[in-house]
């Protein structure tokens, strides 16, 4: 049965999928990439990048105790990082890069989706239990970029971290 809430959640999911497709994103089983026509104006905290352009890979473990390990990492401004996110747990987790506004917006969207699978976005991936996924990002300016998991209750329980970007 479709309730007004489910219709909103389905509309949000469909709009997100259309947005990802319009941005030129492609998704494989393990890697999220963006085409070269992406612009940094979409994100104040950097831009998606191709895995082949990565300067290094940082492994992040997501676990069912609602933590990322490591939860805090440091990168250099201008550096391109592939985050290899390993879900060692038995429940799904996601990995979202963003400023506070981005994290808050993603939290709201995930709550509206009511447990539906999150589509990949340029700055966010869902990682199923036992799965490893990658997201590659170019950090353009000094500052702090937050990491969050927005499966229901995870972010509010503390499943977050940060990327400190310095010169």
Protein backbone atom coordinates (compact mmCIF):
# COMPACT_ATOMS: atom_id res chain seq x y z
CA UNK A 1 0.00 0.00 0.00
CA UNK A 2 1.34 3.43 -0.92
CA UNK A 3 1.03 6.02 1.80
CA UNK A 4 1.82 9.71 1.24
CA UNK A 5 5.08 9.12 3.14
CA UNK A 6 6.12 6.27 0.82
CA UNK A 7 5.26 8.37 -2.23
CA UNK A 8 7.53 11.15 -0.96
CA UNK A 9 10.32 8.66 -0.23
CA UNK A 10 10.01 7.13 -3.70
CA UNK A 11 9.96 10.58 -5.30
CA UNK A 12 13.13 11.54 -3.41
CA UNK A 13 14.84 8.32 -4.48
CA UNK A 14 13.82 8.82 -8.11
CA UNK A 15 14.97 12.45 -8.09
CA UNK A 16 18.32 11.42 -6.63
CA UNK A 17 18.81 8.80 -9.33
CA UNK A 18 17.99 11.34 -12.03
CA UNK A 19 20.40 13.85 -10.49
CA UNK A 20 23.22 11.30 -10.44
CA UNK A 21 22.52 10.34 -14.05
CA UNK A 22 22.39 13.99 -15.12
CA UNK A 23 25.75 14.67 -13.49
CA UNK A 24 27.42 11.99 -15.60
CA UNK A 25 28.14 9.62 -12.72
CA UNK A 26 28.76 5.97 -13.34
CA UNK A 27 28.66 3.23 -10.80
CA UNK A 28 30.21 -0.21 -10.75
CA UNK A 29 30.03 -2.86 -8.09
CA UNK A 30 33.01 -1.44 -6.24
CA UNK A 31 33.78 2.09 -7.42
CA UNK A 32 31.94 5.38 -7.84
CA UNK A 33 33.39 7.69 -10.46
CA UNK A 34 32.48 10.92 -12.20
CA UNK A 35 33.17 12.01 -15.76
CA UNK A 36 35.54 14.87 -16.57
CA UNK A 37 32.65 17.30 -17.07
CA UNK A 38 32.06 17.52 -13.31
CA UNK A 39 32.66 20.89 -11.74
CA UNK A 40 33.77 21.80 -8.25
CA UNK A 41 30.96 24.38 -8.03
CA UNK A 42 28.62 21.53 -7.06
CA UNK A 43 30.54 20.95 -3.82
CA UNK A 44 32.28 23.60 -1.74
CA UNK A 45 34.54 20.94 -0.19
CA UNK A 46 36.11 19.49 -3.35
CA UNK A 47 35.10 17.39 -6.32
CA UNK A 48 34.68 13.77 -7.39
CA UNK A 49 37.65 12.31 -9.24
CA UNK A 50 38.66 9.24 -11.18
CA UNK A 51 40.37 6.39 -9.27
CA UNK A 52 43.28 6.48 -11.75
CA UNK A 53 44.03 10.05 -10.60
CA UNK A 54 44.32 9.14 -6.90
CA UNK A 55 47.51 10.12 -5.10
CA UNK A 56 46.84 7.46 -2.46
CA UNK A 57 44.23 5.15 -0.96
CA UNK A 58 42.93 5.41 2.60
CA UNK A 59 41.14 2.37 4.02
CA UNK A 60 38.21 3.10 6.32
CA UNK A 61 36.47 0.29 8.21
CA UNK A 62 32.76 0.65 8.99
CA UNK A 63 31.59 -1.58 11.81
CA UNK A 64 28.37 -2.46 13.59
CA UNK A 65 29.50 -0.67 16.74
CA UNK A 66 28.66 2.43 14.66
CA UNK A 67 32.20 3.67 14.16
CA UNK A 68 34.57 4.37 11.31
CA UNK A 69 38.20 3.36 11.81
CA UNK A 70 40.07 5.55 11.41
CA UNK A 71 37.50 8.23 12.08
CA UNK A 72 39.89 11.12 11.47
CA UNK A 73 42.31 11.39 8.57
CA UNK A 74 44.54 14.14 7.19
CA UNK A 75 45.11 15.01 3.54
CA UNK A 76 46.84 17.80 1.66
CA UNK A 77 44.96 20.46 -0.25
CA UNK A 78 44.92 19.45 -3.93
CA UNK A 79 45.37 15.76 -3.08
CA UNK A 80 43.13 13.13 -4.66
CA UNK A 81 42.19 10.30 -2.33
CA UNK A 82 40.47 6.99 -2.96
CA UNK A 83 38.59 5.96 0.16
CA UNK A 84 38.32 2.17 0.33
CA UNK A 85 35.41 1.61 2.70
CA UNK A 86 35.24 -1.89 4.17
CA UNK A 87 32.02 -2.89 5.91
CA UNK A 88 33.10 -5.51 8.42
CA UNK A 89 29.63 -5.62 9.92
CA UNK A 90 26.42 -7.51 9.33
CA UNK A 91 24.28 -4.45 8.55
CA UNK A 92 24.57 -1.86 5.76
CA UNK A 93 26.50 1.36 6.27
CA UNK A 94 27.11 4.33 4.07
CA UNK A 95 30.01 6.73 3.65
CA UNK A 96 29.15 10.34 2.96
CA UNK A 97 31.66 13.18 2.52
CA UNK A 98 30.41 16.70 3.12
CA UNK A 99 30.20 19.83 5.15
CA UNK A 100 27.68 20.09 7.99
CA UNK A 101 24.87 21.24 5.68
CA UNK A 102 25.49 18.30 3.34
CA UNK A 103 25.49 15.82 6.24
CA UNK A 104 22.26 17.27 7.65
CA UNK A 105 20.55 17.16 4.25
CA UNK A 106 21.68 13.58 3.65
CA UNK A 107 20.40 12.58 7.10
CA UNK A 108 16.95 14.01 6.27
CA UNK A 109 16.78 12.30 2.87
CA UNK A 110 17.78 8.94 4.34
CA UNK A 111 15.12 9.28 7.05
CA UNK A 112 12.49 9.95 4.36
CA UNK A 113 13.63 6.88 2.41
CA UNK A 114 12.48 4.69 5.32
CA UNK A 115 15.10 1.96 4.93
CA UNK A 116 15.21 1.89 1.13
CA UNK A 117 18.61 1.39 -0.48
CA UNK A 118 20.44 4.65 -1.03
CA UNK A 119 21.55 5.30 -4.60
CA UNK A 120 25.21 6.24 -5.00
CA UNK A 121 25.96 9.93 -5.25
CA UNK A 122 29.22 11.65 -6.24
CA UNK A 123 30.09 12.13 -2.55
CA UNK A 124 28.27 9.14 -0.99
CA UNK A 125 28.16 5.36 -1.31
CA UNK A 126 26.25 2.62 0.45
CA UNK A 127 28.32 -0.36 1.57
CA UNK A 128 26.42 -3.60 2.13
CA UNK A 129 27.40 -6.01 4.89
CA UNK A 130 30.72 -7.65 4.10
CA UNK A 131 31.24 -5.46 1.04
CA UNK A 132 34.12 -3.13 0.10
CA UNK A 133 33.40 -0.03 -1.98
CA UNK A 134 35.55 2.89 -3.14
CA UNK A 135 34.93 6.60 -3.56
CA UNK A 136 37.57 8.93 -5.03
CA UNK A 137 37.63 12.61 -4.09
CA UNK A 138 39.87 15.61 -4.85
CA UNK A 139 40.21 17.98 -1.89
CA UNK A 140 40.64 21.53 -3.19
CA UNK A 141 40.86 23.80 -0.12
CA UNK A 142 42.12 23.72 3.45
CA UNK A 143 39.48 22.98 6.06
CA UNK A 144 37.50 20.11 7.54
CA UNK A 145 35.23 17.78 5.58
CA UNK A 146 32.93 15.55 7.61
CA UNK A 147 32.38 11.81 7.13
CA UNK A 148 29.03 10.33 8.11
CA UNK A 149 26.94 7.19 7.95
CA UNK A 150 23.24 7.96 7.56
CA UNK A 151 21.63 4.58 7.91
CA UNK A 152 18.76 5.07 10.41
CA UNK A 153 20.18 6.06 13.79
CA UNK A 154 23.86 5.66 12.87
CA UNK A 155 24.86 9.34 12.50
CA UNK A 156 23.06 10.41 15.66
CA UNK A 157 24.77 7.52 17.50
CA UNK A 158 28.15 8.94 16.51
CA UNK A 159 29.06 7.15 13.27
CA UNK A 160 31.02 10.06 11.90
CA UNK A 161 34.52 11.36 11.44
CA UNK A 162 36.44 14.03 9.60
CA UNK A 163 39.01 14.69 6.93
CA UNK A 164 41.36 17.53 7.83
CA UNK A 165 42.64 19.20 4.68
CA UNK A 166 45.84 21.23 5.05
CA UNK A 167 48.62 22.74 3.00
